[in-house]
Amino acid sequence: MKESFGDVRVRLLADTNTSGTSAAVTSASVTNALAASAERDPDALPLTVKGRLAGEVSIPPGGPPQLRAALANQLSIGLENARLYAELSTLFRQYLSPDVAAALLADPSQAALGGQVVEVTAVFADLRGFTTFSEAVDPPAIVEMLNRYYAVAVPCILDNGGTVIQFVGDALLALFNAPARQPDHAARAVRAALAMQEAVRLVAQDHPDWPRFRVGANTGPALVGNIGSESLRGFNAMGDAVNVAARLQSIAQPGQVVIGDATREALGDQVQAELIGDLEVAGRRQKVRAWVVQGLR
């Protein structure tokens, strides 16, 4: 660009948000701020983002005016693209777990159907007594409760490197060791589950009528990837390890974290746990040994 136009100077307004979220900054206020600057170039061309003045570009005199205008237009398009990318990134991260969103933005081909078998630790959580509670209150009260709970539960998972796979009403499924690899995924999962139970307990103190989460976690191989159709798909995990995690969650008491034997073995001396026993699981030949977690060392 320097070879074609010389020393080009681009000045962006400091309080202009290229994401388009700063609606309070009007074109008039931007123009006044630029005009008040001692470095204001009277021949500068405007740069706009989403129809709002975002700055200016100073191009040395000379050359066809059409090229100068074309450069200013291309720079404005670049700013607009940056705004759109920021909005897309934010939207992805609101509907997908951050690790999944980052992977798709970096490499869209990862959205292809299919997956791979990976050892994971799956965490299932749901609310014991949710159906009874739902019968007694209005839908807005149900949504308020779920949002309050998820607002404290989700950070516990993300802060420990987990991936939230889905919300299904009052139930939540999270994975550790996928898509990002974590050698200590079992410890991360149990630490997140304990933190989630404590965070939910604090919320429930002011709402004794609200049901409480019960949590199950299990470690083992699962098919992790994009499952669905060409027109609609989702990042998910399937396999015996995930099914067992759901079963362990179903036998847990409110406030408890119950883990499978594979998770217990992966944690070794790190975990304090009490044996529940060997449980029958519908459709599964082998019994599942279950433990109630009392703490992590």
Protein backbone atom coordinates (compact mmCIF):
# COMPACT_ATOMS: atom_id res chain seq x y z
CA MET A 1 0.00 0.00 0.00
CA LYS A 2 2.89 2.36 0.81
CA GLU A 3 4.38 1.81 -2.65
CA SER A 4 1.11 2.79 -4.30
CA PHE A 5 -0.10 5.62 -2.06
CA GLY A 6 2.84 6.68 0.11
CA ASP A 7 2.55 7.13 3.88
CA VAL A 8 -1.08 6.39 4.60
CA ARG A 9 -2.32 7.26 8.10
CA VAL A 10 -5.38 5.60 9.61
CA ARG A 11 -6.96 7.14 12.70
CA LEU A 12 -9.71 5.27 14.54
CA LEU A 13 -11.86 6.98 17.11
CA ALA A 14 -10.79 5.67 20.52
CA ASP A 15 -14.34 5.17 21.80
CA THR A 16 -15.66 3.58 18.61
CA ASN A 17 -16.51 -0.09 19.08
CA THR A 18 -16.06 -2.05 15.84
CA SER A 19 -18.41 -4.70 17.16
CA GLY A 20 -21.26 -2.26 16.60
CA THR A 21 -22.38 -2.42 20.24
CA SER A 22 -21.60 1.21 21.12
CA ALA A 23 -24.88 2.64 19.94
CA ALA A 24 -24.46 5.71 22.14
CA VAL A 25 -21.68 7.03 19.88
CA THR A 26 -23.49 8.96 17.15
CA SER A 27 -22.03 10.08 13.84
CA ALA A 28 -22.27 13.69 15.02
CA SER A 29 -20.28 13.04 18.21
CA VAL A 30 -17.65 11.12 16.27
CA THR A 31 -17.33 13.93 13.73
CA ASN A 32 -16.98 16.50 16.51
CA ALA A 33 -14.32 14.43 18.26
CA LEU A 34 -12.28 14.11 15.07
CA ALA A 35 -12.69 17.81 14.25
CA ALA A 36 -11.47 18.80 17.71
CA SER A 37 -8.19 16.94 17.26
CA ALA A 38 -5.11 19.05 16.51
CA GLU A 39 -3.99 16.34 14.10
CA ARG A 40 -7.15 16.52 12.05
CA ASP A 41 -6.49 16.26 8.30
CA PRO A 42 -9.06 18.36 6.40
CA ASP A 43 -8.54 16.16 3.33
CA ALA A 44 -8.96 12.85 5.19
CA LEU A 45 -11.55 10.38 3.97
CA PRO A 46 -14.08 8.86 6.40
CA LEU A 47 -14.08 5.23 7.56
CA THR A 48 -17.42 3.76 8.54
CA VAL A 49 -18.58 0.68 10.41
CA LYS A 50 -22.23 -0.35 10.22
CA GLY A 51 -23.13 3.06 8.83
CA ARG A 52 -21.36 4.92 11.65
CA LEU A 53 -18.24 7.04 11.33
CA ALA A 54 -15.38 5.09 12.92
CA GLY A 55 -12.34 7.11 11.91
CA GLU A 56 -10.51 8.54 8.94
CA VAL A 57 -7.69 7.78 6.54
CA SER A 58 -5.16 10.35 5.41
CA ILE A 59 -3.71 9.67 1.95
CA PRO A 60 -0.89 11.82 0.51
CA PRO A 61 -2.08 14.07 -2.33
CA GLY A 62 -1.64 12.92 -5.89
CA GLY A 63 -3.04 10.07 -7.88
CA PRO A 64 -6.56 9.56 -9.20
CA PRO A 65 -9.29 10.52 -6.71
CA GLN A 66 -11.06 7.25 -7.56
CA LEU A 67 -8.15 5.22 -6.15
CA ARG A 68 -8.11 7.28 -2.95
CA ALA A 69 -11.83 6.69 -2.50
CA ALA A 70 -11.40 2.99 -3.31
CA LEU A 71 -8.74 2.62 -0.61
CA ALA A 72 -10.95 4.28 1.99
CA ASN A 73 -13.81 2.00 0.96
CA GLN A 74 -11.65 -1.13 1.25
CA LEU A 75 -10.44 -0.08 4.70
CA SER A 76 -14.04 0.45 5.78
CA ILE A 77 -14.91 -3.03 4.47
CA GLY A 78 -12.01 -4.43 6.50
CA LEU A 79 -13.34 -2.80 9.66
CA GLU A 80 -16.83 -4.08 8.89
CA ASN A 81 -15.48 -7.60 8.39
CA ALA A 82 -13.69 -7.36 11.74
CA ARG A 83 -16.99 -6.33 13.34
CA LEU A 84 -18.85 -9.23 11.72
CA TYR A 85 -16.18 -11.72 12.79
CA ALA A 86 -16.36 -10.43 16.37
CA GLU A 87 -20.15 -10.77 16.38
CA LEU A 88 -19.96 -14.27 14.90
CA SER A 89 -17.36 -15.30 17.45
CA THR A 90 -19.50 -13.97 20.30
CA LEU A 91 -22.60 -15.71 18.93
CA PHE A 92 -20.76 -19.03 18.58
CA ARG A 93 -19.53 -18.82 22.14
CA GLN A 94 -23.05 -18.18 23.44
CA TYR A 95 -24.45 -21.30 21.76
CA LEU A 96 -21.38 -23.56 21.80
CA SER A 97 -18.82 -24.33 24.45
CA PRO A 98 -15.74 -22.09 23.96
CA ASP A 99 -13.43 -24.95 22.93
CA VAL A 100 -15.87 -26.13 20.25
CA ALA A 101 -16.50 -22.58 19.01
CA ALA A 102 -12.78 -21.82 18.80
CA ALA A 103 -12.09 -25.04 16.89
CA LEU A 104 -14.86 -24.33 14.35
CA LEU A 105 -13.79 -20.71 13.82
CA ALA A 106 -10.18 -21.79 13.31
CA ASP A 107 -11.06 -24.70 11.01
CA PRO A 108 -14.65 -24.87 9.65
CA SER A 109 -13.94 -28.33 8.22
CA GLN A 110 -14.21 -29.66 11.77
CA ALA A 111 -17.99 -29.21 11.45
CA ALA A 112 -18.11 -32.26 9.16
CA LEU A 113 -20.21 -35.20 10.32
CA GLY A 114 -18.34 -37.96 12.12
CA GLY A 115 -15.89 -38.21 14.97
CA GLN A 116 -13.26 -40.29 16.70
CA VAL A 117 -13.06 -42.54 19.72
CA VAL A 118 -11.47 -40.71 22.66
CA GLU A 119 -11.17 -41.52 26.35
CA VAL A 120 -13.30 -38.94 28.14
CA THR A 121 -14.78 -38.25 31.52
CA ALA A 122 -18.48 -37.49 31.10
CA VAL A 123 -20.41 -35.50 33.70
CA PHE A 124 -24.19 -35.70 33.89
CA ALA A 125 -26.27 -33.49 36.17
CA ASP A 126 -29.99 -33.12 36.63
CA LEU A 127 -32.43 -31.83 39.23
CA ARG A 128 -34.03 -34.37 41.55
CA GLY A 129 -37.71 -33.52 41.94
CA PHE A 130 -37.82 -31.24 38.91
CA THR A 131 -41.09 -32.68 37.57
CA THR A 132 -42.90 -32.18 40.88
CA PHE A 133 -41.54 -28.64 41.18
CA SER A 134 -42.61 -27.83 37.61
CA GLU A 135 -46.20 -28.86 38.35
CA ALA A 136 -46.41 -26.40 41.23
CA VAL A 137 -45.03 -23.22 39.63
CA ASP A 138 -45.46 -21.15 36.49
CA PRO A 139 -43.09 -21.60 33.52
CA PRO A 140 -41.33 -18.24 34.13
CA ALA A 141 -40.38 -19.43 37.63
CA ILE A 142 -38.93 -22.63 36.14
CA VAL A 143 -36.83 -20.67 33.66
CA GLU A 144 -35.64 -18.32 36.40
CA MET A 145 -34.51 -21.25 38.54
CA LEU A 146 -32.71 -23.01 35.68
CA ASN A 147 -30.94 -19.84 34.60
CA ARG A 148 -29.84 -19.09 38.15
CA TYR A 149 -28.48 -22.61 38.56
CA TYR A 150 -26.79 -22.75 35.17
CA ALA A 151 -25.29 -19.31 35.71
CA VAL A 152 -23.17 -20.74 38.55
CA ALA A 153 -22.82 -24.31 37.26
CA VAL A 154 -21.44 -23.59 33.80
CA PRO A 155 -18.44 -21.53 35.00
CA CYS A 156 -17.44 -24.43 37.26
CA ILE A 157 -17.19 -26.65 34.19
CA LEU A 158 -15.49 -24.13 31.91
CA ASP A 159 -13.01 -23.01 34.57
CA ASN A 160 -11.81 -26.61 34.83
CA GLY A 161 -11.44 -26.99 31.08
CA GLY A 162 -14.68 -28.87 30.44
CA THR A 163 -16.93 -28.67 27.39
CA VAL A 164 -20.67 -28.23 27.89
CA ILE A 165 -22.28 -30.51 25.33
CA GLN A 166 -25.95 -29.83 25.87
CA PHE A 167 -28.73 -28.61 28.12
CA VAL A 168 -31.87 -30.74 28.08
CA GLY A 169 -34.40 -29.06 30.33
CA ASP A 170 -33.07 -29.57 33.84
CA ALA A 171 -30.19 -31.79 32.69
CA LEU A 172 -26.66 -30.91 31.67
CA LEU A 173 -23.97 -33.01 29.95
CA ALA A 174 -20.30 -31.99 29.99
CA LEU A 175 -17.15 -33.65 28.66
CA PHE A 176 -13.53 -33.51 29.71
CA ASN A 177 -10.65 -34.43 27.39
CA ALA A 178 -12.66 -33.44 24.29
CA PRO A 179 -12.15 -31.55 22.13
CA ALA A 180 -9.07 -30.33 24.01
CA ARG A 181 -6.85 -33.11 25.37
CA GLN A 182 -6.31 -33.17 29.16
CA PRO A 183 -4.19 -35.90 30.80
CA ASP A 184 -5.86 -35.13 34.15
CA HIS A 185 -9.41 -35.07 32.77
CA ALA A 186 -10.85 -37.30 35.52
CA ALA A 187 -9.60 -34.95 38.24
CA ARG A 188 -10.83 -31.91 36.33
CA ALA A 189 -14.29 -33.46 35.94
CA VAL A 190 -14.69 -34.36 39.60
CA ARG A 191 -13.32 -31.00 40.72
CA ALA A 192 -15.84 -29.26 38.48
CA ALA A 193 -18.69 -31.46 39.77
CA LEU A 194 -17.86 -30.70 43.41
CA ALA A 195 -17.54 -26.98 42.68
CA MET A 196 -20.87 -27.05 40.85
CA GLN A 197 -22.63 -28.69 43.78
CA GLU A 198 -21.22 -26.12 46.19
CA ALA A 199 -22.19 -23.20 43.94
CA VAL A 200 -25.72 -24.57 43.53
CA ARG A 201 -25.99 -25.15 47.29
CA LEU A 202 -25.30 -21.46 47.92
CA VAL A 203 -27.98 -20.43 45.43
CA ALA A 204 -30.48 -22.87 46.93
CA GLN A 205 -30.00 -21.45 50.43
CA ASP A 206 -32.35 -18.61 49.52
CA HIS A 207 -34.78 -20.97 47.78
CA PRO A 208 -35.42 -24.01 49.98
CA ASP A 209 -38.25 -25.14 47.67
CA TRP A 210 -35.96 -25.43 44.65
CA PRO A 211 -34.79 -28.93 43.70
CA ARG A 212 -31.07 -29.73 43.85
CA PHE A 213 -28.67 -31.25 41.35
CA ARG A 214 -27.44 -34.81 41.50
CA VAL A 215 -24.27 -35.51 39.51
CA GLY A 216 -22.73 -38.62 37.97
CA ALA A 217 -19.29 -38.89 36.34
CA ASN A 218 -17.63 -41.74 34.51
CA THR A 219 -14.44 -42.30 32.52
CA GLY A 220 -14.02 -44.41 29.39
CA PRO A 221 -13.93 -44.41 25.58
CA ALA A 222 -16.63 -42.55 23.65
CA LEU A 223 -17.23 -41.53 20.07
CA VAL A 224 -16.85 -37.76 20.11
CA GLY A 225 -17.75 -35.60 17.14
CA ASN A 226 -20.51 -34.07 15.06
CA ILE A 227 -23.71 -36.10 15.02
CA GLY A 228 -26.88 -35.29 13.06
CA SER A 229 -27.64 -34.56 9.42
CA GLU A 230 -26.22 -32.45 6.61
CA SER A 231 -28.67 -29.67 7.46
CA LEU A 232 -28.49 -29.77 11.27
CA ARG A 233 -25.89 -31.28 13.57
CA GLY A 234 -24.41 -30.95 17.02
CA PHE A 235 -21.19 -31.75 18.84
CA ASN A 236 -21.87 -34.77 21.04
CA ALA A 237 -20.47 -37.93 22.62
CA MET A 238 -21.82 -41.47 22.44
CA GLY A 239 -20.78 -44.70 24.07
CA ASP A 240 -21.00 -46.93 27.12
CA ALA A 241 -18.95 -44.55 29.26
CA VAL A 242 -21.44 -41.74 28.68
CA ASN A 243 -24.43 -44.02 29.32
CA VAL A 244 -22.92 -45.18 32.61
CA ALA A 245 -22.39 -41.57 33.69
CA ALA A 246 -26.10 -40.97 33.15
CA ARG A 247 -26.91 -44.07 35.21
CA LEU A 248 -24.64 -42.96 38.05
CA GLN A 249 -26.32 -39.57 38.08
CA SER A 250 -29.72 -41.24 38.44
CA ILE A 251 -28.72 -43.03 41.66
CA ALA A 252 -27.06 -40.02 43.25
CA GLN A 253 -28.85 -38.11 45.98
CA PRO A 254 -29.36 -34.34 45.70
CA GLY A 255 -26.05 -32.64 46.39
CA GLN A 256 -24.01 -35.79 45.75
CA VAL A 257 -21.36 -36.59 43.12
CA VAL A 258 -21.26 -40.29 42.23
CA ILE A 259 -18.42 -41.67 40.10
CA GLY A 260 -17.72 -44.95 38.36
CA ASP A 261 -14.87 -47.32 39.15
CA ALA A 262 -12.84 -46.20 36.13
CA THR A 263 -12.90 -42.61 37.36
CA ARG A 264 -12.04 -43.78 40.88
CA GLU A 265 -9.02 -45.68 39.56
CA ALA A 266 -7.89 -42.74 37.40
CA LEU A 267 -7.92 -40.47 40.46
CA GLY A 268 -6.10 -42.88 42.76
CA ASP A 269 -5.19 -41.32 46.11
CA GLN A 270 -6.45 -37.89 45.01
CA VAL A 271 -10.06 -38.74 45.79
CA GLN A 272 -11.85 -39.49 49.02
CA ALA A 273 -14.83 -41.68 48.15
CA GLU A 274 -17.19 -44.12 49.82
CA LEU A 275 -18.18 -47.31 48.01
CA ILE A 276 -21.90 -47.64 47.22
CA GLY A 277 -21.66 -51.07 45.63
CA ASP A 278 -22.02 -52.87 42.32
CA LEU A 279 -25.12 -51.77 40.45
CA GLU A 280 -27.19 -53.41 37.75
CA VAL A 281 -27.56 -51.26 34.63
CA ALA A 282 -30.40 -51.97 32.22
CA GLY A 283 -29.11 -53.34 28.90
CA ARG A 284 -25.58 -53.86 30.25
CA ARG A 285 -24.11 -57.24 31.13
CA GLN A 286 -21.50 -56.07 33.61
CA LYS A 287 -22.38 -54.37 36.85
CA VAL A 288 -21.14 -50.86 37.57
CA ARG A 289 -19.23 -50.15 40.75
CA ALA A 290 -20.24 -46.77 42.12
CA TRP A 291 -18.61 -44.41 44.63
CA VAL A 292 -19.86 -41.28 46.41
CA VAL A 293 -17.18 -38.56 46.30
CA GLN A 294 -16.44 -36.93 49.61
CA GLY A 295 -13.61 -34.70 48.46
CA LEU A 296 -10.39 -34.29 46.48
CA ARG A 297 -6.95 -34.06 48.03
